[in-house]
Amino acid sequence: MSSSRTTTNINTTANFSSLSLRSESPPRSRNKAPLRYGGSLDKFESFEVTPAIGREFKDLQLSSLLDAPNSDDLIRDLAITVSRRGVCFFREQDLTSEQMAVLAARIGQLSGKPSSSSLHVHPLTEESSELGDQIAVISSEKQAKGGGLRQVHDDRSLFSTNAWHSDITFEPIPSDYAMLKIHTLPATGGDTLWNSMYEAYDRLSPAMAGWLETLTATHDANFFADEARRLGIKMRTGERGSPFNQGDNLQAVHPVIRTNPVTGWKGLFINKAFTKRINNVTKDESDYLLNYLHALCHNNFDMQLRFKWTKNAVAIWDNRSTQHSATYDYVEARAGDRACSVGEKPYLDPTTTGRREALALEASR
């Protein structure tokens, strides 16, 4: 390995149990300003999936980034690219689950996440899981048992839009990046959709955006406790990727509009699966407002993409600025592995702008 490489030590299982939550504030991003793309990925061919969201790389093996002489530069630029485009795709990857955990941790660390944040342990991850606590097995077999969002929302409604979500927003310190590799596929079906929360923010009127920036929302996933009882497993109540993510109350309050610390762009930060209420307004007002914001996200297909998986394809996305939803239109086996990085406490910097304004400013320079 070249001696010119800057070494970054990544600890995906750091123990912060000595941290006193009563005396410490929730961790913020280490970035003092948005990160600048360095150009190290320009040698890899890629294309934009849609104007609003998504990029697919044609010839990049993610495993090769881990030991490259300029590994830190490559992975930092990867994080910046994912944050700017929302989600990036890579076909025919040889990345192992162990390498996935390392890469997911380094993407977050090299893009400024707090040192106390590592990889998430899902509340429904069974102890002694075959791939370890920090790799979630995503499978149709688990879905058939009733685990996850599909069962919960099937009991309420048959609208597929109920499954739109951003990962683990019920945690006080939610996810920055997530990575999914699908290795087992049905002959057809099982696609995943993503949408851009940058674009959702940009479609708000200035008056509405300004008001929403004063509001917070409660995100709740306490239905996972019912899932755990029904499935006969013990819910994980210890640290779940951050010393602030622990206990059996899966609920958190976040700003309705947040700033992404990697890009400096504002985005809408609510989702149908976990956002239960807009705070400091009446319930009726909250219901009407959430219905409008969900419709804004779900009904505008020109701010969405639909990805058709191929064997061993990998997606990496920024949970701060996207939502996603699986498509449950298959009966054959579908399975993959997911690593979910924990980031920083969501915040709004009122001096930042939306994506469109920021890109226009970049183009004028």
Protein backbone atom coordinates (compact mmCIF):
# COMPACT_ATOMS: atom_id res chain seq x y z
CA MET A 1 0.00 0.00 0.00
CA SER A 2 1.33 3.43 -0.89
CA SER A 3 2.74 5.48 1.93
CA SER A 4 0.90 8.54 0.54
CA ARG A 5 -2.42 7.23 1.75
CA THR A 6 -3.93 9.02 4.73
CA THR A 7 -4.96 6.34 7.17
CA THR A 8 -8.36 6.59 8.86
CA ASN A 9 -9.07 4.21 11.69
CA ILE A 10 -12.67 3.00 11.55
CA ASN A 11 -14.16 1.23 14.55
CA THR A 12 -17.59 -0.13 13.67
CA THR A 13 -18.16 -1.55 17.15
CA ALA A 14 -16.85 1.22 19.41
CA ASN A 15 -18.08 1.11 22.99
CA PHE A 16 -19.35 4.45 24.24
CA SER A 17 -21.20 3.09 27.27
CA SER A 18 -19.27 5.42 29.56
CA LEU A 19 -20.78 8.47 27.86
CA SER A 20 -23.18 10.27 30.18
CA LEU A 21 -26.27 11.14 28.20
CA ARG A 22 -27.37 13.58 30.89
CA SER A 23 -24.31 15.77 30.48
CA GLU A 24 -23.63 15.39 26.75
CA SER A 25 -25.48 16.98 23.86
CA PRO A 26 -26.51 14.78 20.91
CA PRO A 27 -23.63 14.68 18.42
CA ARG A 28 -23.45 17.00 15.43
CA SER A 29 -21.61 16.57 12.16
CA ARG A 30 -17.90 17.36 12.28
CA ASN A 31 -18.18 19.36 9.04
CA LYS A 32 -17.70 23.12 9.36
CA ALA A 33 -18.81 23.63 5.75
CA PRO A 34 -20.16 21.51 2.87
CA LEU A 35 -17.62 19.08 1.44
CA ARG A 36 -16.13 19.65 -2.00
CA TYR A 37 -15.89 16.83 -4.52
CA GLY A 38 -12.24 16.09 -5.31
CA GLY A 39 -12.60 14.42 -8.71
CA SER A 40 -11.12 11.04 -7.80
CA LEU A 41 -14.12 9.13 -9.23
CA ASP A 42 -14.06 10.88 -12.60
CA LYS A 43 -12.08 8.02 -14.17
CA PHE A 44 -15.05 5.68 -13.66
CA GLU A 45 -17.80 5.82 -16.28
CA SER A 46 -21.22 6.74 -14.93
CA PHE A 47 -24.55 8.25 -15.96
CA GLU A 48 -27.39 10.11 -14.28
CA VAL A 49 -30.45 7.89 -13.81
CA THR A 50 -32.87 10.85 -13.83
CA PRO A 51 -32.32 14.62 -13.74
CA ALA A 52 -33.43 14.85 -10.10
CA ILE A 53 -31.94 11.76 -8.50
CA GLY A 54 -29.62 8.83 -9.01
CA ARG A 55 -26.30 7.95 -10.62
CA GLU A 56 -25.16 4.55 -11.87
CA PHE A 57 -21.49 3.61 -12.20
CA LYS A 58 -20.69 1.18 -14.99
CA ASP A 59 -17.24 -0.15 -14.13
CA LEU A 60 -16.47 0.56 -10.48
CA GLN A 61 -15.91 -2.33 -8.05
CA LEU A 62 -16.57 -0.99 -4.57
CA SER A 63 -14.23 -3.54 -3.00
CA SER A 64 -11.33 -1.95 -4.92
CA LEU A 65 -11.81 1.32 -3.04
CA LEU A 66 -10.94 -0.20 0.32
CA ASP A 67 -7.24 -0.81 -0.37
CA ALA A 68 -6.54 1.70 -3.12
CA PRO A 69 -3.52 3.99 -2.55
CA ASN A 70 -5.91 6.97 -2.41
CA SER A 71 -8.64 5.05 -0.59
CA ASP A 72 -9.71 7.89 1.70
CA ASP A 73 -10.05 10.32 -1.21
CA LEU A 74 -12.09 7.82 -3.23
CA ILE A 75 -14.45 6.97 -0.39
CA ARG A 76 -14.91 10.61 0.60
CA ASP A 77 -15.75 11.49 -3.00
CA LEU A 78 -18.13 8.53 -3.08
CA ALA A 79 -19.94 9.90 -0.02
CA ILE A 80 -20.16 13.36 -1.59
CA THR A 81 -21.50 11.90 -4.84
CA VAL A 82 -24.12 9.83 -3.04
CA SER A 83 -25.21 12.86 -1.02
CA ARG A 84 -25.49 15.07 -4.09
CA ARG A 85 -27.31 12.50 -6.25
CA GLY A 86 -29.30 10.88 -3.43
CA VAL A 87 -28.53 7.29 -4.43
CA CYS A 88 -25.84 5.56 -6.51
CA PHE A 89 -25.90 2.09 -8.11
CA PHE A 90 -23.21 -0.46 -8.89
CA ARG A 91 -23.80 -3.70 -10.84
CA GLU A 92 -22.11 -7.12 -10.46
CA GLN A 93 -20.29 -6.33 -7.23
CA ASP A 94 -17.97 -8.77 -5.43
CA LEU A 95 -18.24 -6.89 -2.12
CA THR A 96 -18.58 -9.27 0.85
CA SER A 97 -20.80 -8.53 3.85
CA GLU A 98 -17.68 -7.87 5.95
CA GLN A 99 -16.37 -5.41 3.36
CA MET A 100 -19.80 -3.81 3.21
CA ALA A 101 -19.68 -3.08 6.94
CA VAL A 102 -16.21 -1.55 6.63
CA LEU A 103 -17.16 0.58 3.61
CA ALA A 104 -20.40 1.79 5.20
CA ALA A 105 -18.51 2.86 8.31
CA ARG A 106 -15.78 4.64 6.35
CA ILE A 107 -18.25 6.49 4.12
CA GLY A 108 -19.81 8.04 7.22
CA GLN A 109 -16.54 8.71 9.02
CA LEU A 110 -14.83 10.29 6.01
CA SER A 111 -17.80 12.58 5.33
CA GLY A 112 -17.90 14.02 8.84
CA LYS A 113 -20.20 11.99 11.03
CA PRO A 114 -19.58 12.12 14.82
CA SER A 115 -16.98 9.77 16.22
CA SER A 116 -19.60 8.29 18.57
CA SER A 117 -21.70 7.03 15.64
CA SER A 118 -21.08 3.61 14.09
CA LEU A 119 -23.34 1.12 12.28
CA HIS A 120 -26.94 0.63 13.30
CA VAL A 121 -28.29 -2.46 15.03
CA HIS A 122 -31.95 -2.79 14.08
CA PRO A 123 -34.34 -3.29 17.04
CA LEU A 124 -35.59 -6.53 15.43
CA THR A 125 -32.13 -7.97 14.68
CA GLU A 126 -31.94 -11.31 16.43
CA GLU A 127 -28.91 -11.87 18.64
CA SER A 128 -26.29 -14.19 17.12
CA SER A 129 -27.47 -13.21 13.64
CA GLU A 130 -25.57 -15.11 10.95
CA LEU A 131 -23.92 -11.94 9.58
CA GLY A 132 -23.50 -10.14 12.90
CA ASP A 133 -25.49 -7.36 14.51
CA GLN A 134 -24.56 -4.66 12.01
CA ILE A 135 -25.60 -6.39 8.79
CA ALA A 136 -29.35 -6.76 8.34
CA VAL A 137 -30.64 -9.66 6.26
CA ILE A 138 -33.36 -8.39 3.90
CA SER A 139 -35.37 -11.35 2.66
CA SER A 140 -38.78 -12.43 1.40
CA GLU A 141 -38.65 -15.25 3.95
CA LYS A 142 -38.54 -12.74 6.80
CA GLN A 143 -41.31 -10.73 5.16
CA ALA A 144 -43.46 -13.87 4.99
CA LYS A 145 -43.14 -14.19 8.76
CA GLY A 146 -44.50 -10.69 9.13
CA GLY A 147 -41.37 -8.72 9.98
CA GLY A 148 -40.85 -5.12 8.97
CA LEU A 149 -42.97 -2.39 7.44
CA ARG A 150 -45.01 -4.50 5.05
CA GLN A 151 -46.94 -6.40 7.72
CA VAL A 152 -47.66 -3.28 9.74
CA HIS A 153 -49.06 -1.35 6.82
CA ASP A 154 -50.88 -4.30 5.27
CA ASP A 155 -53.10 -4.22 8.36
CA ARG A 156 -53.99 -0.59 7.69
CA SER A 157 -54.12 -0.09 3.97
CA LEU A 158 -53.38 -1.67 0.63
CA PHE A 159 -51.74 1.49 -0.71
CA SER A 160 -48.11 0.71 -1.50
CA THR A 161 -47.15 4.32 -0.77
CA ASN A 162 -47.46 3.54 2.94
CA ALA A 163 -44.07 1.82 2.79
CA TRP A 164 -42.12 4.95 1.73
CA HIS A 165 -39.55 5.66 4.42
CA SER A 166 -36.12 6.89 5.34
CA ASP A 167 -34.19 4.43 7.47
CA ILE A 168 -34.42 4.57 11.28
CA THR A 169 -35.78 8.11 11.63
CA PHE A 170 -37.35 6.87 14.87
CA GLU A 171 -33.87 7.02 16.43
CA PRO A 172 -32.61 10.26 18.05
CA ILE A 173 -29.50 9.88 15.86
CA PRO A 174 -30.82 8.46 12.57
CA SER A 175 -28.99 7.16 9.53
CA ASP A 176 -26.72 9.09 7.20
CA TYR A 177 -25.92 6.40 4.61
CA ALA A 178 -27.23 2.92 3.88
CA MET A 179 -26.00 0.22 1.53
CA LEU A 180 -27.92 -2.76 0.13
CA LYS A 181 -26.66 -5.68 -1.95
CA ILE A 182 -29.27 -7.98 -3.47
CA HIS A 183 -27.93 -11.47 -4.25
CA THR A 184 -31.15 -13.46 -4.74
CA LEU A 185 -33.82 -12.23 -7.14
CA PRO A 186 -37.19 -13.22 -8.56
CA ALA A 187 -37.44 -13.49 -12.34
CA THR A 188 -39.26 -10.17 -12.35
CA GLY A 189 -40.46 -7.72 -9.73
CA GLY A 190 -38.92 -6.67 -6.42
CA ASP A 191 -37.72 -3.27 -7.67
CA THR A 192 -36.90 -0.44 -5.25
CA LEU A 193 -37.97 3.18 -5.63
CA TRP A 194 -36.19 6.28 -4.32
CA ASN A 195 -37.27 9.91 -4.29
CA SER A 196 -35.45 13.18 -3.68
CA MET A 197 -36.25 15.19 -0.57
CA TYR A 198 -34.12 18.03 -1.95
CA GLU A 199 -36.55 18.26 -4.85
CA ALA A 200 -39.53 18.02 -2.49
CA TYR A 201 -38.22 21.04 -0.59
CA ASP A 202 -37.64 22.96 -3.83
CA ARG A 203 -41.29 22.43 -4.83
CA LEU A 204 -42.59 24.18 -1.73
CA SER A 205 -43.61 27.82 -2.01
CA PRO A 206 -41.23 30.16 -0.14
CA ALA A 207 -43.98 30.95 2.38
CA MET A 208 -44.71 27.27 3.06
CA ALA A 209 -41.02 26.37 3.23
CA GLY A 210 -40.38 29.21 5.67
CA TRP A 211 -43.18 28.04 7.96
CA LEU A 212 -42.13 24.39 7.83
CA GLU A 213 -38.62 25.41 8.83
CA THR A 214 -40.04 26.47 12.22
CA LEU A 215 -41.63 23.06 12.88
CA THR A 216 -40.58 19.68 14.20
CA ALA A 217 -42.18 16.26 13.80
CA THR A 218 -42.37 13.14 15.95
CA HIS A 219 -41.11 9.90 14.38
CA ASP A 220 -42.30 6.69 16.00
CA ALA A 221 -41.63 2.97 15.42
CA ASN A 222 -42.96 1.50 18.63
CA PHE A 223 -44.91 -0.95 16.47
CA PHE A 224 -41.62 -2.87 16.33
CA ALA A 225 -42.25 -3.90 19.97
CA ASP A 226 -45.48 -5.55 18.85
CA GLU A 227 -43.58 -7.16 15.96
CA ALA A 228 -40.98 -8.55 18.36
CA ARG A 229 -43.64 -10.08 20.60
CA ARG A 230 -45.48 -11.59 17.64
CA LEU A 231 -42.29 -13.03 16.16
CA GLY A 232 -41.10 -14.32 19.53
CA ILE A 233 -37.83 -12.40 19.55
CA LYS A 234 -36.29 -9.99 22.05
CA MET A 235 -36.16 -6.38 20.91
CA ARG A 236 -32.69 -4.86 21.00
CA THR A 237 -32.64 -2.11 23.64
CA GLY A 238 -28.88 -1.61 24.00
CA GLU A 239 -26.87 0.87 21.97
CA ARG A 240 -27.98 0.82 18.34
CA GLY A 241 -25.11 2.57 16.59
CA SER A 242 -24.98 5.56 18.96
CA PRO A 243 -25.05 5.97 22.75
CA PHE A 244 -28.17 8.10 22.21
CA ASN A 245 -29.97 5.27 20.40
CA GLN A 246 -30.93 2.87 23.15
CA GLY A 247 -33.91 1.82 25.24
CA ASP A 248 -37.32 0.50 24.30
CA ASN A 249 -39.01 3.78 23.33
CA LEU A 250 -38.51 3.99 19.56
CA GLN A 251 -39.46 7.63 19.19
CA ALA A 252 -37.62 10.83 18.28
CA VAL A 253 -38.32 14.47 17.37
CA HIS A 254 -36.64 15.96 14.29
CA PRO A 255 -36.94 19.16 12.24
CA VAL A 256 -39.38 19.01 9.34
CA ILE A 257 -36.74 20.66 7.14
CA ARG A 258 -33.12 19.63 7.67
CA THR A 259 -29.75 20.59 6.22
CA ASN A 260 -27.52 17.89 4.81
CA PRO A 261 -24.04 18.59 6.28
CA VAL A 262 -22.25 17.07 3.27
CA THR A 263 -23.95 19.19 0.58
CA GLY A 264 -25.28 22.09 2.63
CA TRP A 265 -28.66 21.68 0.89
CA LYS A 266 -32.05 21.79 2.60
CA GLY A 267 -34.49 18.92 2.25
CA LEU A 268 -37.88 17.83 3.52
CA PHE A 269 -37.47 15.33 6.37
CA ILE A 270 -40.69 13.41 6.93
CA ASN A 271 -41.79 9.96 5.76
CA LYS A 272 -45.01 7.95 5.70
CA ALA A 273 -43.73 4.96 7.68
CA PHE A 274 -42.37 6.69 10.78
CA THR A 275 -43.51 10.33 10.93
CA LYS A 276 -46.60 10.34 13.12
CA ARG A 277 -47.24 13.98 13.95
CA ILE A 278 -46.24 17.56 13.25
CA ASN A 279 -45.67 19.15 16.65
CA ASN A 280 -47.17 22.35 18.08
CA VAL A 281 -50.20 22.28 15.78
CA THR A 282 -53.56 20.58 16.29
CA LYS A 283 -54.00 16.97 15.29
CA ASP A 284 -56.28 17.98 12.43
CA GLU A 285 -53.70 20.47 11.18
CA SER A 286 -50.97 17.86 11.50
CA ASP A 287 -53.00 15.30 9.55
CA TYR A 288 -53.77 17.74 6.73
CA LEU A 289 -50.18 18.93 6.58
CA LEU A 290 -48.68 15.44 6.55
CA ASN A 291 -51.16 14.31 3.91
CA TYR A 292 -50.08 17.20 1.68
CA LEU A 293 -46.35 16.59 2.24
CA HIS A 294 -46.71 12.86 1.61
CA ALA A 295 -48.65 13.57 -1.59
CA LEU A 296 -45.92 15.96 -2.69
CA CYS A 297 -43.36 13.15 -2.29
CA HIS A 298 -45.42 10.25 -3.64
CA ASN A 299 -47.37 11.81 -6.52
CA ASN A 300 -44.50 13.47 -8.36
CA PHE A 301 -42.86 10.70 -10.35
CA ASP A 302 -40.40 13.16 -11.90
CA MET A 303 -38.59 13.37 -8.54
CA GLN A 304 -38.44 9.58 -8.23
CA LEU A 305 -36.58 6.68 -9.80
CA ARG A 306 -37.30 2.95 -9.94
CA PHE A 307 -34.30 0.62 -9.88
CA LYS A 308 -34.49 -2.85 -11.36
CA TRP A 309 -32.11 -5.05 -9.43
CA THR A 310 -29.69 -7.47 -11.04
CA LYS A 311 -27.78 -10.17 -9.21
CA ASN A 312 -25.15 -8.71 -6.84
CA ALA A 313 -26.06 -5.11 -7.60
CA VAL A 314 -25.42 -2.60 -4.79
CA ALA A 315 -27.23 0.63 -3.95
CA ILE A 316 -25.83 3.28 -1.62
CA TRP A 317 -28.11 6.13 -0.60
CA ASP A 318 -28.25 9.15 1.70
CA ASN A 319 -31.10 8.71 4.18
CA ARG A 320 -31.00 12.40 5.12
CA SER A 321 -32.19 13.47 1.69
CA THR A 322 -34.15 10.57 0.18
CA GLN A 323 -36.99 8.20 0.86
CA HIS A 324 -37.23 4.68 -0.57
CA SER A 325 -39.74 1.87 -0.87
CA ALA A 326 -39.48 -1.75 -1.93
CA THR A 327 -41.99 -3.14 -4.40
CA TYR A 328 -43.74 -6.26 -3.09
CA ASP A 329 -44.93 -7.67 -6.40
CA TYR A 330 -43.16 -11.04 -6.37
CA VAL A 331 -43.63 -14.48 -4.84
CA GLU A 332 -40.20 -16.02 -5.48
CA ALA A 333 -37.22 -15.65 -3.15
CA ARG A 334 -35.60 -12.23 -2.88
CA ALA A 335 -32.75 -11.60 -0.44
CA GLY A 336 -29.84 -9.33 0.25
CA ASP A 337 -27.68 -7.72 2.92
CA ARG A 338 -27.91 -4.17 4.24
CA ALA A 339 -25.56 -2.01 6.28
CA CYS A 340 -27.00 1.17 7.78
CA SER A 341 -24.67 3.84 9.10
CA VAL A 342 -25.70 6.14 11.95
CA GLY A 343 -24.98 9.81 11.37
CA GLU A 344 -25.54 13.04 13.27
CA LYS A 345 -28.42 14.72 15.07
CA PRO A 346 -30.66 16.26 12.36
CA TYR A 347 -30.50 20.04 12.27
CA LEU A 348 -31.56 22.99 10.16
CA ASP A 349 -29.10 25.71 9.23
CA PRO A 350 -31.35 28.58 8.06
CA THR A 351 -28.48 30.13 6.10
CA THR A 352 -28.31 27.15 3.72
CA THR A 353 -30.30 26.87 0.48
CA GLY A 354 -32.17 24.29 -1.55
CA ARG A 355 -30.51 22.13 -4.19
CA ARG A 356 -31.69 24.11 -7.21
CA GLU A 357 -30.42 27.42 -5.85
CA ALA A 358 -27.08 25.88 -4.85
CA LEU A 359 -26.57 24.28 -8.27
CA ALA A 360 -27.43 27.53 -10.02
CA LEU A 361 -24.85 29.33 -7.91
CA GLU A 362 -22.25 26.67 -8.71
CA ALA A 363 -22.98 27.01 -12.44
CA SER A 364 -22.54 30.78 -12.32
CA ARG A 365 -19.05 30.61 -10.83
